[in-house]
Protein backbone atom coordinates (compact mmCIF):
# COMPACT_ATOMS: atom_id res chain seq x y z
CA MET A 1 81.70 116.61 90.11
CA ASN A 2 81.88 115.20 93.64
CA VAL A 3 84.87 116.33 95.69
CA CYS A 4 85.90 114.88 99.04
CA ILE A 5 88.15 117.12 101.12
CA ILE A 6 89.88 115.33 103.95
CA GLY A 7 90.97 117.76 106.64
CA GLY A 8 88.69 120.53 105.42
CA SER A 9 87.83 121.94 108.84
CA GLY A 10 91.09 123.85 109.22
CA PHE A 11 92.01 127.29 107.93
CA ILE A 12 93.01 126.30 104.39
CA GLY A 13 90.32 123.65 104.05
CA SER A 14 87.53 125.97 105.15
CA HIS A 15 88.54 128.53 102.54
CA LEU A 16 88.91 125.88 99.85
CA ILE A 17 85.45 124.50 100.63
CA ASN A 18 83.99 128.01 100.43
CA THR A 19 85.62 128.47 97.03
CA ILE A 20 84.53 125.22 95.37
CA ALA A 21 81.20 124.44 97.06
CA SER A 22 79.25 126.76 94.79
CA HIS A 23 80.44 124.81 91.73
CA HIS A 24 80.77 121.21 92.97
CA SER A 25 79.29 118.75 95.43
CA VAL A 26 81.63 118.71 98.44
CA THR A 27 82.01 116.31 101.36
CA ASN A 28 84.36 117.28 104.18
CA ILE A 29 85.92 114.49 106.24
CA ASP A 30 87.68 115.62 109.39
CA LYS A 31 88.24 114.64 113.00
CA GLN A 32 86.40 117.78 114.08
CA LEU A 33 83.56 119.95 112.87
CA PRO A 34 84.47 123.07 110.87
CA ALA A 35 84.47 126.51 112.49
CA PHE A 36 81.61 127.53 110.22
CA ASP A 37 79.12 125.70 108.03
CA VAL A 38 78.87 126.08 104.28
CA ILE A 39 75.42 125.50 102.83
CA GLY A 40 75.26 122.22 100.95
CA VAL A 41 78.50 120.80 102.36
CA THR A 42 78.31 117.67 104.49
CA THR A 43 80.95 117.08 107.16
CA LYS A 44 81.61 113.53 108.29
CA ILE A 45 83.72 112.77 111.34
CA ALA A 46 86.62 110.34 110.84
CA ASP A 47 90.34 110.14 111.58
CA VAL A 48 92.88 109.38 108.83
CA ARG A 49 94.71 107.13 111.29
CA ASP A 50 91.67 104.84 111.26
CA TYR A 51 91.42 103.19 107.84
CA ASP A 52 87.98 101.67 108.52
CA SER A 53 86.46 105.02 109.53
CA ILE A 54 87.79 106.76 106.41
CA LYS A 55 86.52 103.96 104.18
CA ALA A 56 83.10 104.03 105.85
CA VAL A 57 82.47 107.75 105.42
CA MET A 58 84.02 108.46 102.00
CA PRO A 59 81.17 108.65 99.51
CA ASP A 60 81.21 105.99 96.78
CA ASN A 61 80.45 108.59 94.11
CA THR A 62 83.60 110.64 94.84
CA ASP A 63 85.41 111.88 91.73
CA TYR A 64 88.33 113.67 93.41
CA VAL A 65 89.97 113.63 96.83
CA ILE A 66 91.93 116.53 98.28
CA LEU A 67 93.98 115.47 101.30
CA LEU A 68 94.71 118.32 103.69
CA ALA A 69 94.74 116.37 106.97
CA ALA A 70 98.10 116.82 108.70
CA GLU A 71 99.81 117.40 112.00
CA HIS A 72 101.91 120.51 111.52
CA ARG A 73 102.34 122.30 114.83
CA ASP A 74 105.78 122.44 116.41
CA ASP A 75 104.54 121.30 119.83
CA VAL A 76 102.75 118.07 118.85
CA SER A 77 102.95 115.47 121.57
CA PRO A 78 103.76 112.68 121.23
CA VAL A 79 106.10 113.38 118.32
CA SER A 80 105.07 110.03 116.77
CA LEU A 81 101.75 111.70 115.93
CA TYR A 82 103.49 113.39 112.97
CA TYR A 83 104.23 109.98 111.44
CA ASP A 84 100.90 108.45 112.42
CA VAL A 85 98.86 111.20 110.76
CA ASN A 86 101.10 112.48 107.97
CA VAL A 87 102.45 109.13 106.72
CA GLU A 88 100.14 106.37 107.89
CA GLY A 89 97.09 108.60 107.50
CA ALA A 90 98.03 109.43 103.90
CA HIS A 91 98.62 105.72 103.29
CA ASN A 92 95.14 104.89 104.61
CA VAL A 93 93.53 107.53 102.38
CA LEU A 94 95.39 106.22 99.32
CA LYS A 95 94.25 102.66 100.06
CA VAL A 96 90.62 103.83 100.20
CA ILE A 97 91.04 105.79 96.95
CA VAL A 98 92.36 102.67 95.20
CA GLU A 99 89.67 100.41 96.66
CA LYS A 100 86.88 102.79 95.68
CA ASN A 101 88.45 103.33 92.23
CA ILE A 102 88.50 107.12 92.60
CA GLY A 103 90.27 109.30 90.09
């Protein structure tokens, strides 16, 4: 099974990748590199706000997508970043999932 984790470089994502990477093929898509590498996991740099970048880096053979990318801090500036990432970013990911016929 090929799993694509979007936003896997954060605290939760890093632990999730560690848990499933020994059993499944995992690709991490994030706007930054993870704090630590997991053997066999590829990280691709892209931003959920950029539909074309997400589409370009999501592997065609993906079976499942786990979306963890989010803005969640209380001091995010500008505040519109919450909407841009959490709503529009999720919308972009869903469009790619539909177009690539994943799931």
